[in-house]
Amino acid sequence: MSKIRRWLFVMSLAFAGCACPDAQRASADLATYEWFAPMMTAYVNADPKLDDGAKRIHLRALEAWGQRVLADAKARGLR
């Protein structure tokens, strides 16, 4: 398993068991995404081991996560 996938797997496990109220969870998800997305985008774009197809896959996954997080934040009145 690549470092990226391992990290995303760990992050998903961390939030899967969160028993926080919805607005609190959405706020935490948004803060995590805003911190993590720029760093991960730069990492993926700079990784010489990833070909263009792999980079597209990783960036699409990151974009899908961002869309979900931003939609949830908007639904909770955070954005």
PDB file of N, CA and C in Angstrom:
ATOM      1  N   MET A   1       0.846  -1.170   0.000  1.00  0.00           N
ATOM      2  CA  MET A   1       0.000   0.000   0.000  1.00  0.00           C
ATOM      3  C   MET A   1       0.899   1.243   0.000  1.00  0.00           C
ATOM      4  N   SER A   2       0.596   2.181  -0.870  1.00  0.00           N
ATOM      5  CA  SER A   2       1.422   3.387  -0.977  1.00  0.00           C
ATOM      6  C   SER A   2       1.232   4.273   0.253  1.00  0.00           C
ATOM      7  N   LYS A   3       2.148   5.204   0.444  1.00  0.00           N
ATOM      8  CA  LYS A   3       2.058   6.130   1.582  1.00  0.00           C
ATOM      9  C   LYS A   3       0.753   6.919   1.536  1.00  0.00           C
ATOM     10  N   ILE A   4       0.384   7.341   0.344  1.00  0.00           N
ATOM     11  CA  ILE A   4      -0.825   8.154   0.187  1.00  0.00           C
ATOM     12  C   ILE A   4      -2.054   7.352   0.597  1.00  0.00           C
ATOM     13  N   ARG A   5      -2.174   6.150   0.085  1.00  0.00           N
ATOM     14  CA  ARG A   5      -3.335   5.329   0.410  1.00  0.00           C
ATOM     15  C   ARG A   5      -3.365   4.968   1.884  1.00  0.00           C
ATOM     16  N   ARG A   6      -2.208   4.676   2.433  1.00  0.00           N
ATOM     17  CA  ARG A   6      -2.138   4.347   3.858  1.00  0.00           C
ATOM     18  C   ARG A   6      -2.610   5.540   4.689  1.00  0.00           C
ATOM     19  N   TRP A   7      -2.146   6.747   4.335  1.00  0.00           N
ATOM     20  CA  TRP A   7      -2.532   7.951   5.055  1.00  0.00           C
ATOM     21  C   TRP A   7      -4.035   8.209   4.928  1.00  0.00           C
ATOM     22  N   LEU A   8      -4.582   8.090   3.724  1.00  0.00           N
ATOM     23  CA  LEU A   8      -6.017   8.299   3.539  1.00  0.00           C
ATOM     24  C   LEU A   8      -6.831   7.255   4.298  1.00  0.00           C
ATOM     25  N   PHE A   9      -6.342   6.020   4.341  1.00  0.00           N
ATOM     26  CA  PHE A   9      -7.022   4.959   5.077  1.00  0.00           C
ATOM     27  C   PHE A   9      -7.051   5.286   6.566  1.00  0.00           C
ATOM     28  N   VAL A  10      -5.924   5.721   7.100  1.00  0.00           N
ATOM     29  CA  VAL A  10      -5.856   6.076   8.519  1.00  0.00           C
ATOM     30  C   VAL A  10      -6.786   7.250   8.821  1.00  0.00           C
ATOM     31  N   MET A  11      -6.787   8.241   7.941  1.00  0.00           N
ATOM     32  CA  MET A  11      -7.663   9.400   8.141  1.00  0.00           C
ATOM     33  C   MET A  11      -9.133   8.986   8.112  1.00  0.00           C
ATOM     34  N   SER A  12      -9.502   8.094   7.199  1.00  0.00           N
ATOM     35  CA  SER A  12     -10.901   7.658   7.130  1.00  0.00           C
ATOM     36  C   SER A  12     -11.291   6.889   8.379  1.00  0.00           C
ATOM     37  N   LEU A  13     -10.383   6.070   8.907  1.00  0.00           N
ATOM     38  CA  LEU A  13     -10.677   5.353  10.154  1.00  0.00           C
ATOM     39  C   LEU A  13     -10.835   6.310  11.323  1.00  0.00           C
ATOM     40  N   ALA A  14     -10.034   7.341  11.336  1.00  0.00           N
ATOM     41  CA  ALA A  14     -10.096   8.306  12.426  1.00  0.00           C
ATOM     42  C   ALA A  14     -11.454   8.994  12.483  1.00  0.00           C
ATOM     43  N   PHE A  15     -12.040   9.269  11.320  1.00  0.00           N
ATOM     44  CA  PHE A  15     -13.317   9.965  11.302  1.00  0.00           C
ATOM     45  C   PHE A  15     -14.514   9.023  11.282  1.00  0.00           C
ATOM     46  N   ALA A  16     -14.306   7.758  10.990  1.00  0.00           N
ATOM     47  CA  ALA A  16     -15.416   6.811  10.920  1.00  0.00           C
ATOM     48  C   ALA A  16     -16.075   6.623  12.278  1.00  0.00           C
ATOM     49  N   GLY A  17     -15.293   6.659  13.337  1.00  0.00           N
ATOM     50  CA  GLY A  17     -15.846   6.423  14.660  1.00  0.00           C
ATOM     51  C   GLY A  17     -16.179   7.678  15.435  1.00  0.00           C
ATOM     52  N   CYS A  18     -16.143   8.812  14.798  1.00  0.00           N
ATOM     53  CA  CYS A  18     -16.402  10.074  15.491  1.00  0.00           C
ATOM     54  C   CYS A  18     -17.865  10.159  15.918  1.00  0.00           C
ATOM     55  N   ALA A  19     -18.082  10.380  17.210  1.00  0.00           N
ATOM     56  CA  ALA A  19     -19.443  10.494  17.734  1.00  0.00           C
ATOM     57  C   ALA A  19     -19.802  11.948  18.013  1.00  0.00           C
ATOM     58  N   CYS A  20     -19.130  12.863  17.335  1.00  0.00           N
ATOM     59  CA  CYS A  20     -19.351  14.292  17.535  1.00  0.00           C
ATOM     60  C   CYS A  20     -20.685  14.709  16.929  1.00  0.00           C
ATOM     61  N   PRO A  21     -21.269  15.786  17.440  1.00  0.00           N
ATOM     62  CA  PRO A  21     -22.462  16.341  16.780  1.00  0.00           C
ATOM     63  C   PRO A  21     -22.126  16.720  15.336  1.00  0.00           C
ATOM     64  N   ASP A  22     -23.123  16.740  14.497  1.00  0.00           N
ATOM     65  CA  ASP A  22     -22.909  16.959  13.064  1.00  0.00           C
ATOM     66  C   ASP A  22     -22.148  18.235  12.728  1.00  0.00           C
ATOM     67  N   ALA A  23     -22.522  19.347  13.312  1.00  0.00           N
ATOM     68  CA  ALA A  23     -21.841  20.605  12.987  1.00  0.00           C
ATOM     69  C   ALA A  23     -20.385  20.572  13.442  1.00  0.00           C
ATOM     70  N   GLN A  24     -20.144  19.956  14.578  1.00  0.00           N
ATOM     71  CA  GLN A  24     -18.778  19.855  15.089  1.00  0.00           C
ATOM     72  C   GLN A  24     -17.936  18.952  14.183  1.00  0.00           C
ATOM     73  N   ARG A  25     -18.524  17.846  13.739  1.00  0.00           N
ATOM     74  CA  ARG A  25     -17.817  16.942  12.830  1.00  0.00           C
ATOM     75  C   ARG A  25     -17.547  17.623  11.506  1.00  0.00           C
ATOM     76  N   ALA A  26     -18.544  18.332  10.976  1.00  0.00           N
ATOM     77  CA  ALA A  26     -18.377  19.025   9.697  1.00  0.00           C
ATOM     78  C   ALA A  26     -17.287  20.086   9.803  1.00  0.00           C
ATOM     79  N   SER A  27     -17.237  20.779  10.915  1.00  0.00           N
ATOM     80  CA  SER A  27     -16.204  21.793  11.124  1.00  0.00           C
ATOM     81  C   SER A  27     -14.817  21.154  11.182  1.00  0.00           C
ATOM     82  N   ALA A  28     -14.716  20.027  11.874  1.00  0.00           N
ATOM     83  CA  ALA A  28     -13.433  19.322  11.964  1.00  0.00           C
ATOM     84  C   ALA A  28     -13.020  18.772  10.595  1.00  0.00           C
ATOM     85  N   ASP A  29     -13.980  18.218   9.860  1.00  0.00           N
ATOM     86  CA  ASP A  29     -13.687  17.707   8.513  1.00  0.00           C
ATOM     87  C   ASP A  29     -13.182  18.832   7.613  1.00  0.00           C
ATOM     88  N   LEU A  30     -13.832  19.973   7.686  1.00  0.00           N
ATOM     89  CA  LEU A  30     -13.454  21.112   6.860  1.00  0.00           C
ATOM     90  C   LEU A  30     -12.047  21.598   7.213  1.00  0.00           C
ATOM     91  N   ALA A  31     -11.755  21.698   8.491  1.00  0.00           N
ATOM     92  CA  ALA A  31     -10.424  22.133   8.919  1.00  0.00           C
ATOM     93  C   ALA A  31      -9.356  21.138   8.474  1.00  0.00           C
ATOM     94  N   THR A  32      -9.667  19.852   8.585  1.00  0.00           N
ATOM     95  CA  THR A  32      -8.722  18.817   8.160  1.00  0.00           C
ATOM     96  C   THR A  32      -8.482  18.900   6.654  1.00  0.00           C
ATOM     97  N   TYR A  33      -9.559  19.037   5.892  1.00  0.00           N
ATOM     98  CA  TYR A  33      -9.427  19.131   4.436  1.00  0.00           C
ATOM     99  C   TYR A  33      -8.623  20.365   4.037  1.00  0.00           C
ATOM    100  N   GLU A  34      -8.933  21.507   4.638  1.00  0.00           N
ATOM    101  CA  GLU A  34      -8.229  22.745   4.272  1.00  0.00           C
ATOM    102  C   GLU A  34      -6.748  22.684   4.630  1.00  0.00           C
ATOM    103  N   TRP A  35      -6.401  21.927   5.658  1.00  0.00           N
ATOM    104  CA  TRP A  35      -4.996  21.756   6.031  1.00  0.00           C
ATOM    105  C   TRP A  35      -4.314  20.732   5.120  1.00  0.00           C
ATOM    106  N   PHE A  36      -5.009  19.627   4.856  1.00  0.00           N
ATOM    107  CA  PHE A  36      -4.406  18.481   4.192  1.00  0.00           C
ATOM    108  C   PHE A  36      -4.365  18.600   2.667  1.00  0.00           C
ATOM    109  N   ALA A  37      -5.400  19.148   2.057  1.00  0.00           N
ATOM    110  CA  ALA A  37      -5.524  19.167   0.591  1.00  0.00           C
ATOM    111  C   ALA A  37      -4.370  19.875  -0.118  1.00  0.00           C
ATOM    112  N   PRO A  38      -3.974  21.068   0.289  1.00  0.00           N
ATOM    113  CA  PRO A  38      -2.861  21.728  -0.421  1.00  0.00           C
ATOM    114  C   PRO A  38      -1.551  20.942  -0.304  1.00  0.00           C
ATOM    115  N   MET A  39      -1.309  20.398   0.875  1.00  0.00           N
ATOM    116  CA  MET A  39      -0.089  19.624   1.090  1.00  0.00           C
ATOM    117  C   MET A  39      -0.099  18.352   0.232  1.00  0.00           C
ATOM    118  N   MET A  40      -1.246  17.670   0.188  1.00  0.00           N
ATOM    119  CA  MET A  40      -1.343  16.435  -0.574  1.00  0.00           C
ATOM    120  C   MET A  40      -1.282  16.703  -2.076  1.00  0.00           C
ATOM    121  N   THR A  41      -1.887  17.782  -2.521  1.00  0.00           N
ATOM    122  CA  THR A  41      -1.839  18.143  -3.940  1.00  0.00           C
ATOM    123  C   THR A  41      -0.398  18.398  -4.370  1.00  0.00           C
ATOM    124  N   ALA A  42       0.334  19.138  -3.566  1.00  0.00           N
ATOM    125  CA  ALA A  42       1.741  19.408  -3.880  1.00  0.00           C
ATOM    126  C   ALA A  42       2.555  18.121  -3.881  1.00  0.00           C
ATOM    127  N   TYR A  43       2.285  17.250  -2.922  1.00  0.00           N
ATOM    128  CA  TYR A  43       3.007  15.980  -2.831  1.00  0.00           C
ATOM    129  C   TYR A  43       2.760  15.116  -4.068  1.00  0.00           C
ATOM    130  N   VAL A  44       1.481  14.992  -4.443  1.00  0.00           N
ATOM    131  CA  VAL A  44       1.132  14.162  -5.608  1.00  0.00           C
ATOM    132  C   VAL A  44       1.759  14.729  -6.876  1.00  0.00           C
ATOM    133  N   ASN A  45       1.656  16.025  -7.072  1.00  0.00           N
ATOM    134  CA  ASN A  45       2.210  16.648  -8.278  1.00  0.00           C
ATOM    135  C   ASN A  45       3.723  16.536  -8.358  1.00  0.00           C
ATOM    136  N   ALA A  46       4.393  16.493  -7.220  1.00  0.00           N
ATOM    137  CA  ALA A  46       5.854  16.446  -7.208  1.00  0.00           C
ATOM    138  C   ALA A  46       6.423  15.026  -7.144  1.00  0.00           C
ATOM    139  N   ASP A  47       5.578  14.032  -6.911  1.00  0.00           N
ATOM    140  CA  ASP A  47       6.072  12.657  -6.750  1.00  0.00           C
ATOM    141  C   ASP A  47       6.499  12.079  -8.102  1.00  0.00           C
ATOM    142  N   PRO A  48       7.795  11.845  -8.293  1.00  0.00           N
ATOM    143  CA  PRO A  48       8.264  11.331  -9.579  1.00  0.00           C
ATOM    144  C   PRO A  48       7.881   9.862  -9.813  1.00  0.00           C
ATOM    145  N   LYS A  49       7.467   9.164  -8.775  1.00  0.00           N
ATOM    146  CA  LYS A  49       7.090   7.750  -8.924  1.00  0.00           C
ATOM    147  C   LYS A  49       5.691   7.581  -9.514  1.00  0.00           C
ATOM    148  N   LEU A  50       4.902   8.641  -9.492  1.00  0.00           N
ATOM    149  CA  LEU A  50       3.543   8.556 -10.018  1.00  0.00           C
ATOM    150  C   LEU A  50       3.509   9.011 -11.474  1.00  0.00           C
ATOM    151  N   ASP A  51       2.902   8.192 -12.321  1.00  0.00           N
ATOM    152  CA  ASP A  51       2.721   8.622 -13.706  1.00  0.00           C
ATOM    153  C   ASP A  51       1.491   9.542 -13.769  1.00  0.00           C
ATOM    154  N   ASP A  52       1.216  10.080 -14.931  1.00  0.00           N
ATOM    155  CA  ASP A  52       0.110  11.037 -15.061  1.00  0.00           C
ATOM    156  C   ASP A  52      -1.234  10.420 -14.674  1.00  0.00           C
ATOM    157  N   GLY A  53      -1.459   9.167 -15.029  1.00  0.00           N
ATOM    158  CA  GLY A  53      -2.712   8.495 -14.688  1.00  0.00           C
ATOM    159  C   GLY A  53      -2.879   8.339 -13.186  1.00  0.00           C
ATOM    160  N   ALA A  54      -1.821   7.951 -12.515  1.00  0.00           N
ATOM    161  CA  ALA A  54      -1.874   7.797 -11.059  1.00  0.00           C
ATOM    162  C   ALA A  54      -2.103   9.141 -10.382  1.00  0.00           C
ATOM    163  N   LYS A  55      -1.456  10.173 -10.908  1.00  0.00           N
ATOM    164  CA  LYS A  55      -1.656  11.508 -10.340  1.00  0.00           C
ATOM    165  C   LYS A  55      -3.110  11.940 -10.491  1.00  0.00           C
ATOM    166  N   ARG A  56      -3.690  11.691 -11.668  1.00  0.00           N
ATOM    167  CA  ARG A  56      -5.097  12.050 -11.891  1.00  0.00           C
ATOM    168  C   ARG A  56      -6.005  11.317 -10.906  1.00  0.00           C
ATOM    169  N   ILE A  57      -5.753  10.044 -10.680  1.00  0.00           N
ATOM    170  CA  ILE A  57      -6.577   9.253  -9.761  1.00  0.00           C
ATOM    171  C   ILE A  57      -6.505   9.830  -8.346  1.00  0.00           C
ATOM    172  N   HIS A  58      -5.294  10.112  -7.883  1.00  0.00           N
ATOM    173  CA  HIS A  58      -5.132  10.648  -6.528  1.00  0.00           C
ATOM    174  C   HIS A  58      -5.778  12.030  -6.401  1.00  0.00           C
ATOM    175  N   LEU A  59      -5.597  12.867  -7.414  1.00  0.00           N
ATOM    176  CA  LEU A  59      -6.163  14.210  -7.352  1.00  0.00           C
ATOM    177  C   LEU A  59      -7.688  14.181  -7.457  1.00  0.00           C
ATOM    178  N   ARG A  60      -8.235  13.236  -8.240  1.00  0.00           N
ATOM    179  CA  ARG A  60      -9.691  13.087  -8.312  1.00  0.00           C
ATOM    180  C   ARG A  60     -10.264  12.650  -6.975  1.00  0.00           C
ATOM    181  N   ALA A  61      -9.578  11.719  -6.297  1.00  0.00           N
ATOM    182  CA  ALA A  61     -10.030  11.277  -4.976  1.00  0.00           C
ATOM    183  C   ALA A  61     -10.011  12.435  -3.990  1.00  0.00           C
ATOM    184  N   LEU A  62      -8.971  13.231  -4.047  1.00  0.00           N
ATOM    185  CA  LEU A  62      -8.864  14.395  -3.178  1.00  0.00           C
ATOM    186  C   LEU A  62      -9.976  15.400  -3.484  1.00  0.00           C
ATOM    187  N   GLU A  63     -10.261  15.588  -4.756  1.00  0.00           N
ATOM    188  CA  GLU A  63     -11.333  16.504  -5.166  1.00  0.00           C
ATOM    189  C   GLU A  63     -12.695  15.992  -4.705  1.00  0.00           C
ATOM    190  N   ALA A  64     -12.936  14.697  -4.829  1.00  0.00           N
ATOM    191  CA  ALA A  64     -14.212  14.123  -4.384  1.00  0.00           C
ATOM    192  C   ALA A  64     -14.386  14.291  -2.875  1.00  0.00           C
ATOM    193  N   TRP A  65     -13.317  14.066  -2.136  1.00  0.00           N
ATOM    194  CA  TRP A  65     -13.362  14.259  -0.692  1.00  0.00           C
ATOM    195  C   TRP A  65     -13.683  15.723  -0.391  1.00  0.00           C
ATOM    196  N   GLY A  66     -13.030  16.635  -1.087  1.00  0.00           N
ATOM    197  CA  GLY A  66     -13.264  18.058  -0.877  1.00  0.00           C
ATOM    198  C   GLY A  66     -14.704  18.463  -1.174  1.00  0.00           C
ATOM    199  N   GLN A  67     -15.263  17.926  -2.248  1.00  0.00           N
ATOM    200  CA  GLN A  67     -16.646  18.245  -2.587  1.00  0.00           C
ATOM    201  C   GLN A  67     -17.599  17.777  -1.499  1.00  0.00           C
ATOM    202  N   ARG A  68     -17.357  16.577  -0.954  1.00  0.00           N
ATOM    203  CA  ARG A  68     -18.199  16.062   0.115  1.00  0.00           C
ATOM    204  C   ARG A  68     -18.075  16.924   1.368  1.00  0.00           C
ATOM    205  N   VAL A  69     -16.845  17.260   1.733  1.00  0.00           N
ATOM    206  CA  VAL A  69     -16.603  18.061   2.929  1.00  0.00           C
ATOM    207  C   VAL A  69     -17.227  19.453   2.785  1.00  0.00           C
ATOM    208  N   LEU A  70     -17.048  20.078   1.635  1.00  0.00           N
ATOM    209  CA  LEU A  70     -17.589  21.422   1.427  1.00  0.00           C
ATOM    210  C   LEU A  70     -19.115  21.411   1.376  1.00  0.00           C
ATOM    211  N   ALA A  71     -19.698  20.382   0.769  1.00  0.00           N
ATOM    212  CA  ALA A  71     -21.163  20.276   0.743  1.00  0.00           C
ATOM    213  C   ALA A  71     -21.717  20.083   2.161  1.00  0.00           C
ATOM    214  N   ASP A  72     -21.041  19.266   2.945  1.00  0.00           N
ATOM    215  CA  ASP A  72     -21.471  19.033   4.327  1.00  0.00           C
ATOM    216  C   ASP A  72     -21.338  20.317   5.144  1.00  0.00           C
ATOM    217  N   ALA A  73     -20.238  21.036   4.958  1.00  0.00           N
ATOM    218  CA  ALA A  73     -20.031  22.301   5.681  1.00  0.00           C
ATOM    219  C   ALA A  73     -21.094  23.326   5.294  1.00  0.00           C
ATOM    220  N   LYS A  74     -21.416  23.381   4.013  1.00  0.00           N
ATOM    221  CA  LYS A  74     -22.442  24.320   3.551  1.00  0.00           C
ATOM    222  C   LYS A  74     -23.801  23.963   4.127  1.00  0.00           C
ATOM    223  N   ALA A  75     -24.121  22.672   4.180  1.00  0.00           N
ATOM    224  CA  ALA A  75     -25.405  22.221   4.733  1.00  0.00           C
ATOM    225  C   ALA A  75     -25.521  22.546   6.214  1.00  0.00           C
ATOM    226  N   ARG A  76     -24.398  22.640   6.902  1.00  0.00           N
ATOM    227  CA  ARG A  76     -24.385  22.950   8.341  1.00  0.00           C
ATOM    228  C   ARG A  76     -24.210  24.446   8.611  1.00  0.00           C
ATOM    229  N   GLY A  77     -24.178  25.248   7.539  1.00  0.00           N
ATOM    230  CA  GLY A  77     -24.062  26.685   7.692  1.00  0.00           C
ATOM    231  C   GLY A  77     -22.655  27.159   8.009  1.00  0.00           C
ATOM    232  N   LEU A  78     -21.661  26.344   7.711  1.00  0.00           N
ATOM    233  CA  LEU A  78     -20.270  26.707   7.979  1.00  0.00           C
ATOM    234  C   LEU A  78     -19.637  27.431   6.803  1.00  0.00           C
ATOM    235  N   ARG A  79     -20.233  27.362   5.646  1.00  0.00           N
ATOM    236  CA  ARG A  79     -19.718  28.019   4.432  1.00  0.00           C
ATOM    237  C   ARG A  79     -20.855  28.693   3.723  1.00  0.00           C
TER     238      ARG A  79
END
